[in-house]
Amino acid sequence: MPRPRQVSDADILSAARSCFLEHGPSVSTTLIAERAGLSQGALFKRFGTKDDLMLAALIPPRHPVLDVLAHGPDDSRDIRDQLVEIAQALLPFFETVVPSTAVLRCSGLSTERLYDGDEVPGPVKGQRALAGWLACAQRRGLIGPADPEALAFSFLGALHMRAFMSHVLGEPVSARTHRQYAEDVTDLLWNGIAPEQEVR
C-alpha cells in the first residue's frame, strides 16, 4: 500500500494564502484543508488555530532590503542606481503585502497579534530604515539637503500606491515593468535631492 502523500508546511501555507485572499478571513478551514490535500484535523495539528494559520500564511517575512538599508549606501556605486535597486526590490513585495494586509485588517485580530507583539511594527521599521539610509547618504554628501523622513515616506508611498491601486482595481494600473517604474519614481525623487542640483 502506498504511503500517504506528505504535505509540506510551505504547501499548506500556499493553499491557505490563496484561500484567504480569495474568500477573506471567514473562509472555511475545510476548504483550506481540501485545497492543501490533507484533513482538517491534520491542518489544526500543524498550525493550532485558524488565526495562527492566517498569520503564518499572510504576514510577510522580513524583507532582505532591510539588511541593505542597515549597512548604508555603498560609496563605490552610483547612489541613484542604488535607489532604483531598492525600489525594484520593494515593488513585488508591496504587491504581496497589500492584499495580505487587507485580509488581516478585516480579520479583527489585534495589532499586537499582527506584529507579533513587536513594539515597532514592520512598516514603521521599513520607513525608519530607509530614512536612516537617506540620512547617511546626506552626511556623506551623496544627496542634497532634504528631510530624510519625508523622503522615505514619499518614496515608499509611490511604490505602495501602485500595488494598492492594482489591488483595488483588480488589474495592473500600468504596463510598465518594475524596473521602468522604479526608474521613474527614483528620477522624480532624484530631481529634488541630487547633490549640487545634478538633475538627470
Foldseek 3Di string as FASTA:
>chain_A
DDDDDDQDPVLLLVLLLVQCLVPFLVGDCCSSCVSSVHHSVVVCVVQVDSLSSLLVNQQDDQQPVLVVLVVADDPVDQPLVVQLVSQLSCLVVLLRNQSSVVRVVVNPDDPCVNQVNDPQRPVNSQLVSQLSNVVRCVVVLQWADDRSSVLSCQLVVQSNVQSNVCVVVVHHPDPDDSSVSSSVSSLVSRCVIGGPNPHD
